[in-house]
Protein backbone atom coordinates (compact mmCIF):
# COMPACT_ATOMS: atom_id res chain seq x y z
CA MET A 1 205.70 81.74 92.04
CA THR A 2 206.17 85.54 92.65
CA LEU A 3 207.68 87.57 95.52
CA ILE A 4 205.89 90.37 97.51
CA PRO A 5 208.76 91.73 99.73
CA MET A 6 207.81 93.16 103.15
CA LEU A 7 210.92 95.39 102.92
CA PRO A 8 213.10 96.43 100.05
CA VAL A 9 215.02 93.49 98.61
CA PRO A 10 218.44 95.12 99.32
CA VAL A 11 217.59 95.63 102.92
CA ILE A 12 216.56 92.06 103.29
CA ALA A 13 219.77 90.97 101.59
CA VAL A 14 221.94 92.96 103.97
CA VAL A 15 220.13 91.92 107.11
CA GLY A 16 220.06 88.42 106.05
CA ALA A 17 223.83 88.30 105.12
CA VAL A 18 224.94 89.97 108.45
CA LEU A 19 222.80 87.39 110.60
CA GLY A 20 223.82 84.40 108.44
CA GLY A 21 227.36 85.45 108.68
CA ALA A 22 227.30 85.88 112.39
CA VAL A 23 225.72 82.46 112.88
CA LEU A 24 228.17 80.80 110.36
CA TRP A 25 230.92 82.16 112.46
CA ARG A 26 229.84 80.72 115.54
CA LEU A 27 229.02 77.46 113.77
CA ALA A 28 232.53 77.19 112.60
CA ARG A 29 233.97 77.85 115.97
CA ALA A 30 231.82 75.38 117.93
CA ARG A 31 233.67 72.35 119.20
CA ARG A 32 230.85 70.07 120.80
CA SER A 33 228.29 68.28 118.65
CA ALA A 34 225.36 69.70 120.74
CA GLU A 35 226.64 73.23 120.23
CA ARG A 36 227.12 72.74 116.54
CA LEU A 37 223.49 71.58 116.19
CA GLY A 38 222.20 74.47 117.99
CA TRP A 39 224.00 77.03 115.59
CA ALA A 40 222.89 74.99 112.64
CA LEU A 41 219.34 75.27 113.84
CA ARG A 42 219.79 78.95 114.09
CA MET A 43 221.01 79.07 110.71
CA VAL A 44 217.92 77.32 109.57
CA MET A 45 215.89 80.31 111.54
CA VAL A 46 217.71 82.90 109.58
CA LEU A 47 216.91 81.33 106.24
CA LEU A 48 213.42 81.09 107.33
CA LEU A 49 213.27 84.57 108.25
CA VAL A 50 214.65 85.90 105.01
CA MET A 51 212.16 83.70 103.05
CA ILE A 52 209.33 84.83 105.08
CA ALA A 53 210.31 88.64 104.67
CA LEU A 54 210.26 87.98 100.69
CA ARG A 55 206.69 86.60 100.98
CA PRO A 56 206.57 83.86 98.32
CA SER A 57 203.09 83.87 96.61
CA ILE A 58 201.28 82.53 93.60
CA ALA A 59 199.47 85.34 91.45
CA GLY A 60 195.77 85.50 91.65
CA GLU A 61 193.53 83.76 88.80
CA SER A 62 190.66 85.15 86.94
CA SER A 63 186.97 84.36 87.09
CA GLY A 64 183.94 86.44 86.22
CA PRO A 65 182.80 88.56 83.13
CA VAL A 66 185.50 90.69 81.54
CA ALA A 67 185.21 92.78 78.32
CA SER A 68 188.09 93.05 75.85
CA GLY A 69 188.40 95.36 72.73
CA GLY A 70 191.18 96.46 70.25
CA LEU A 71 192.63 99.26 72.28
CA GLU A 72 195.75 98.86 74.58
CA VAL A 73 196.34 101.70 77.06
CA TYR A 74 199.80 102.08 78.67
CA PHE A 75 199.94 104.33 81.76
CA VAL A 76 203.48 105.36 82.67
CA VAL A 77 203.44 106.80 86.17
CA ASP A 78 206.17 108.93 87.86
CA THR A 79 206.68 107.53 91.56
CA THR A 80 209.65 109.60 92.61
CA SER A 81 209.52 111.48 95.83
CA SER A 82 208.36 114.56 94.37
CA MET A 83 205.02 112.97 93.38
CA VAL A 84 204.06 113.10 97.10
CA ALA A 85 204.12 116.83 97.03
CA GLU A 86 200.93 118.33 98.61
CA ASP A 87 200.02 120.43 95.87
CA ALA A 88 197.43 118.37 93.84
CA ALA A 89 194.37 120.02 92.15
CA ILE A 90 191.97 117.78 93.61
CA GLU A 91 189.53 117.63 96.68
CA PRO A 92 191.03 116.28 99.91
CA ASP A 93 189.71 112.90 100.94
CA GLY A 94 190.09 113.47 104.61
CA ASP A 95 192.19 115.79 106.77
CA ALA A 96 195.49 115.51 104.86
CA PRO A 97 196.17 117.61 101.84
CA PRO A 98 196.04 115.44 98.61
CA THR A 99 199.28 114.57 96.94
CA ARG A 100 200.21 114.43 93.17
CA LEU A 101 200.17 110.70 93.37
CA ASP A 102 196.52 110.80 94.79
CA ALA A 103 195.65 112.90 91.74
CA VAL A 104 197.26 110.19 89.45
CA LYS A 105 195.24 107.55 90.98
CA ALA A 106 192.11 109.40 90.59
CA ASP A 107 192.96 110.20 86.74
CA ILE A 108 193.61 106.38 86.00
CA THR A 109 190.45 105.34 87.67
CA ALA A 110 188.66 107.96 85.73
CA MET A 111 190.00 106.90 82.51
CA SER A 112 189.65 103.13 83.01
CA GLU A 113 186.05 103.76 83.84
CA GLN A 114 185.30 105.38 80.51
CA LEU A 115 187.44 103.06 78.44
CA VAL A 116 185.58 99.78 79.25
CA GLY A 117 186.87 96.86 77.09
CA ALA A 118 190.32 98.44 76.58
CA GLN A 119 193.41 96.51 77.66
CA PHE A 120 195.52 98.18 80.32
CA SER A 121 199.13 98.20 81.48
CA LEU A 122 200.75 100.11 84.29
CA THR A 123 204.31 100.99 84.53
CA THR A 124 206.01 103.12 87.22
CA PHE A 125 209.42 104.68 87.36
CA ASP A 126 211.72 106.11 90.02
CA ALA A 127 215.19 104.65 90.68
CA THR A 128 214.01 101.71 88.46
CA SER A 129 211.33 101.21 86.04
CA VAL A 130 208.82 98.34 86.72
CA GLN A 131 205.70 97.03 84.99
CA ARG A 132 203.26 96.80 87.76
CA VAL A 133 200.42 95.39 85.65
CA PRO A 134 201.18 93.41 82.48
CA LEU A 135 198.60 94.22 79.60
CA THR A 136 195.30 92.93 80.71
CA SER A 137 191.42 93.64 80.02
CA ASP A 138 190.56 93.02 83.71
CA ALA A 139 190.12 96.67 85.05
CA THR A 140 189.90 95.03 88.64
CA ALA A 141 193.61 94.37 88.36
CA LEU A 142 194.46 97.82 87.30
CA ALA A 143 192.19 99.20 89.97
CA SER A 144 193.98 97.09 92.75
CA ALA A 145 197.36 97.92 91.47
CA THR A 146 196.56 101.81 91.18
CA SER A 147 195.19 102.06 94.73
CA ALA A 148 198.21 100.54 96.05
CA LEU A 149 200.62 102.87 94.34
CA THR A 150 203.27 104.52 96.75
CA SER A 151 206.25 106.77 96.09
CA GLU A 152 209.71 105.51 96.29
CA ILE A 153 211.16 105.07 99.73
CA THR A 154 212.61 108.39 100.62
CA TYR A 155 215.96 107.35 101.96
CA TYR A 156 216.69 105.44 98.81
CA SER A 157 216.03 108.33 96.45
CA ARG A 158 218.90 109.24 94.07
CA GLY A 159 217.33 112.04 92.15
CA SER A 160 214.67 111.70 89.39
CA GLY A 161 215.01 111.53 85.54
CA ILE A 162 212.05 112.04 83.56
CA ASP A 163 213.19 109.90 80.75
CA ALA A 164 213.73 106.70 83.10
CA PRO A 165 211.03 104.64 81.61
CA VAL A 166 211.81 105.09 77.88
CA GLU A 167 213.80 101.96 77.43
CA LEU A 168 211.33 99.63 79.21
CA ILE A 169 208.12 101.09 77.74
CA THR A 170 209.77 100.96 74.22
CA GLU A 171 210.54 97.38 74.61
CA LEU A 172 206.83 96.56 75.92
CA LEU A 173 205.30 98.50 72.99
CA ALA A 174 207.50 96.98 70.56
CA THR A 175 206.67 93.48 71.91
CA ALA A 176 202.95 94.22 71.76
CA GLN A 177 203.00 95.55 68.32
CA SER A 178 204.89 92.34 67.04
CA SER A 179 202.29 90.26 68.81
CA HIS A 180 199.18 91.93 67.75
CA PRO A 181 199.73 94.36 64.83
CA GLU A 182 196.08 95.02 64.54
CA ARG A 183 195.42 96.60 67.71
CA SER A 184 195.61 100.36 68.57
CA ARG A 185 197.96 101.57 71.20
CA VAL A 186 197.92 104.75 73.25
CA LEU A 187 200.31 105.95 75.97
CA PHE A 188 199.77 108.22 78.91
CA TYR A 189 202.67 109.67 80.74
CA LEU A 190 201.60 110.89 84.23
CA GLY A 191 204.28 112.93 86.20
CA ASP A 192 205.28 116.40 87.38
CA GLY A 193 208.34 116.90 84.89
CA GLU A 194 211.00 117.51 87.64
CA GLN A 195 214.33 116.60 86.47
CA THR A 196 216.82 116.72 89.47
CA ARG A 197 219.63 114.56 87.97
CA ALA A 198 222.41 116.56 86.55
CA GLU A 199 222.30 115.08 83.02
CA ALA A 200 219.79 116.38 80.36
CA PRO A 201 216.78 113.96 79.89
CA GLY A 202 217.04 111.51 76.91
CA SER A 203 214.81 111.49 73.83
CA PHE A 204 211.33 110.02 73.83
CA GLY A 205 211.28 109.86 70.11
CA ALA A 206 211.70 105.97 69.82
CA ILE A 207 208.20 105.78 71.24
CA THR A 208 206.29 107.59 68.43
CA GLU A 209 206.24 105.09 65.75
CA LEU A 210 204.85 102.42 68.36
CA ILE A 211 201.63 104.26 69.31
CA ASP A 212 198.67 105.81 67.90
CA GLY A 213 197.92 108.51 70.37
CA GLY A 214 197.76 109.12 74.04
CA GLY A 215 198.83 112.18 76.14
CA VAL A 216 200.94 113.76 78.79
CA ILE A 217 199.32 114.80 82.17
CA GLY A 218 201.15 117.05 84.53
CA TYR A 219 200.76 117.32 88.21
CA GLY A 220 201.67 120.01 90.82
CA THR A 221 201.99 123.68 90.58
CA GLU A 222 204.46 126.27 89.68
CA GLU A 223 204.49 127.39 93.36
CA GLY A 224 205.44 123.97 94.45
CA GLY A 225 204.43 121.83 97.49
CA ARG A 226 206.05 120.12 100.39
CA MET A 227 207.06 116.40 99.98
CA ARG A 228 206.15 113.77 102.45
CA VAL A 229 208.64 111.27 103.68
CA PHE A 230 207.78 107.70 102.85
CA ASP A 231 209.62 105.08 104.76
CA GLY A 232 208.35 101.95 102.94
CA TYR A 233 206.00 100.75 105.49
CA SER A 234 202.88 103.06 105.37
CA ALA A 235 201.73 106.33 104.19
CA ASP A 236 200.11 107.88 107.23
CA ASP A 237 197.33 110.29 106.30
CA ASP A 238 197.32 111.83 109.66
CA PRO A 239 198.57 115.47 109.20
CA ALA A 240 200.02 115.36 112.83
CA ASP A 241 202.18 112.43 112.05
CA VAL A 242 203.40 113.29 108.53
CA ALA A 243 206.96 114.14 108.23
CA TYR A 244 208.52 116.19 105.18
CA ILE A 245 211.62 116.03 103.07
CA ARG A 246 214.25 118.54 104.44
CA ASP A 247 216.37 120.68 101.99
CA PRO A 248 219.89 119.87 103.26
CA THR A 249 221.13 123.18 102.14
CA THR A 250 218.49 125.29 104.15
CA GLY A 251 217.23 122.84 106.68
CA ALA A 252 213.75 123.99 105.69
CA ASP A 253 211.03 121.66 104.18
CA ALA A 254 212.07 120.83 100.42
CA VAL A 255 209.74 122.15 97.83
CA SER A 256 209.07 120.48 94.63
CA MET A 257 207.58 122.39 91.59
CA LEU A 258 205.83 121.44 88.41
CA ASP A 259 208.21 121.66 85.32
CA ALA A 260 205.53 122.07 82.46
CA ALA A 261 208.02 122.80 79.99
CA ASN A 262 209.56 119.44 80.36
CA LEU A 263 206.40 117.80 80.16
CA ALA A 264 205.50 119.71 77.08
CA ALA A 265 208.79 118.69 75.63
CA ILE A 266 207.96 115.00 76.02
CA ALA A 267 204.59 115.55 74.48
CA ASP A 268 206.07 116.97 71.56
CA GLU A 269 208.69 114.28 71.18
CA VAL A 270 206.01 111.61 71.39
CA GLY A 271 203.61 113.51 69.28
CA VAL A 272 200.58 113.93 71.76
CA ASP A 273 199.01 116.57 73.65
CA TYR A 274 200.10 117.95 77.08
CA ARG A 275 197.56 118.99 79.49
CA HIS A 276 197.58 119.86 83.20
CA SER A 277 195.80 117.64 85.66
CA ASP A 278 192.65 119.49 86.88
CA GLY A 279 190.20 116.78 87.48
CA GLY A 280 188.88 117.00 83.80
CA ALA A 281 192.01 116.42 81.71
CA ALA A 282 192.00 112.60 82.08
CA ARG A 283 188.36 112.43 80.95
CA GLU A 284 188.95 114.66 78.04
CA PHE A 285 191.66 112.35 76.74
CA ALA A 286 189.70 109.28 77.32
CA ALA A 287 186.64 110.90 75.65
CA GLY A 288 188.72 111.05 72.38
CA LEU A 289 189.52 107.28 72.23
CA ASP A 290 187.83 104.48 70.48
CA VAL A 291 187.88 100.99 72.25
CA GLY A 292 186.49 99.34 69.24
CA PRO A 293 184.30 96.28 69.00
CA THR A 294 184.32 94.50 72.35
CA SER A 295 183.87 90.85 73.51
CA VAL A 296 183.00 89.55 76.82
CA ARG A 297 184.80 86.46 78.44
CA ALA A 298 184.90 84.96 82.11
CA GLY A 299 187.34 86.45 84.21
CA SER A 300 187.84 88.63 87.50
CA LEU A 301 190.97 88.89 89.49
CA THR A 302 191.35 87.05 92.76
CA GLY A 303 194.15 87.83 95.29
CA PRO A 304 197.52 86.18 95.30
CA VAL A 305 197.99 83.01 97.50
CA GLU A 306 200.61 83.66 99.89
CA PHE A 307 202.87 80.88 101.40
CA TYR A 308 204.93 82.95 104.14
CA TRP A 309 202.75 81.54 106.96
CA ILE A 310 203.75 78.08 106.30
CA LEU A 311 207.56 79.02 106.76
CA ALA A 312 206.37 80.80 109.92
CA ILE A 313 205.23 77.64 111.58
CA PRO A 314 208.77 75.86 111.90
CA LEU A 315 210.26 79.17 112.49
CA ALA A 316 207.75 79.57 115.57
CA LEU A 317 208.67 76.05 116.73
CA LEU A 318 212.47 76.82 116.62
CA ALA A 319 211.97 80.12 118.39
CA LEU A 320 209.96 78.43 121.04
CA GLY A 321 212.86 75.87 121.35
CA GLU A 322 215.28 78.72 121.85
CA LEU A 323 213.30 80.11 124.51
CA ALA A 324 212.91 76.80 126.40
CA ALA A 325 216.57 76.26 126.33
CA ALA A 326 217.32 79.84 127.59
CA GLY A 327 214.71 79.27 130.51
CA LEU A 328 216.38 75.92 131.38
CA ALA A 329 219.73 77.42 131.36
CA LEU A 330 218.64 80.37 133.55
CA ALA A 331 216.90 77.88 136.01
CA ARG A 332 220.20 75.74 136.24
CA SER A 333 222.27 78.74 137.02
CA ARG A 334 220.10 80.11 139.93
CA PRO A 335 220.83 77.19 142.28
CA ARG A 336 224.72 77.79 141.73
CA ALA A 337 224.28 81.40 142.60
CA GLY A 338 222.56 80.63 145.72
CA ALA A 339 225.02 78.02 146.76
CA SER A 340 227.82 80.48 146.26
CA ARG A 341 226.23 83.05 148.45
CA GLN A 342 225.54 80.38 151.30
CA ALA A 343 229.29 79.42 150.97
CA LYS A 344 230.26 83.11 151.60
CA GLU A 345 228.07 83.22 154.50
CA VAL A 346 229.50 80.16 156.42
CA ARG A 347 233.01 81.13 155.46
CA PRO A 348 235.20 81.89 158.80
């Protein structure tokens, strides 16, 4: 069982706590049994609403042919707000300028298409580091997760640290090496190198002995680009509807710039090459890799099975009950109001 939250979990927790607290307070003050029952049912509605917002589901299963070889490819992607700056070196797909994250998606897709038979892992980092795709030979799973990548929610951004994923990726690589020491592992770090936190970035040296190669790919330009606001619901590609992050000191649109020096430093520490993304860097990196002997087995990803709709049924029934009770109470109050007006009219 997994969760696919409709909103950030902290937001769901706060809203649920506020609603639940208010209902429990009214329940504690209720005196009549019918009133207590009504507030108890409302508490059930709050719990159902929270559970629906968390979207419980079961991960998809595999079926269909999947090739697997002896190469493990780890993609580490920067998803901080600066990665939706509009200065990517790729052709636009539509009217909106492409973002750095769009270029990342294109590069991951290009590399996975060249490295048929490799196993892939996708990790993203912003305020937290998360492994989005555990190591798998199913390229469909990687493609699905890559296409769904978004930047962090703008309003929750707390600055970016380029070393944020080091601890998690070191742990993942060490575990993989212990489980399958015979396999080769490569790491690709995809980001813009922008360090906005006050402290200096930590070292990537611990990763060096855990990989056999890889690369660092940089996104953006030295001139920089404006960064789109992402509210957590949708990334609107209509230029007329896109909002941009503001610089609080000037009130103008904030600009994010590529920091190639930081990315080159990461590459030096890890012992790989650094290249700027220009549409060909990813394919050049992939061309130098050997997947090794491959085998084919049945497997292709199916989508997750979601259960929130089951919880929506009792919630809808309880909501209808609330509406019916409110309508009945309103109907009962109208004759009383009419009788009051008639009494005033006949009063001498």
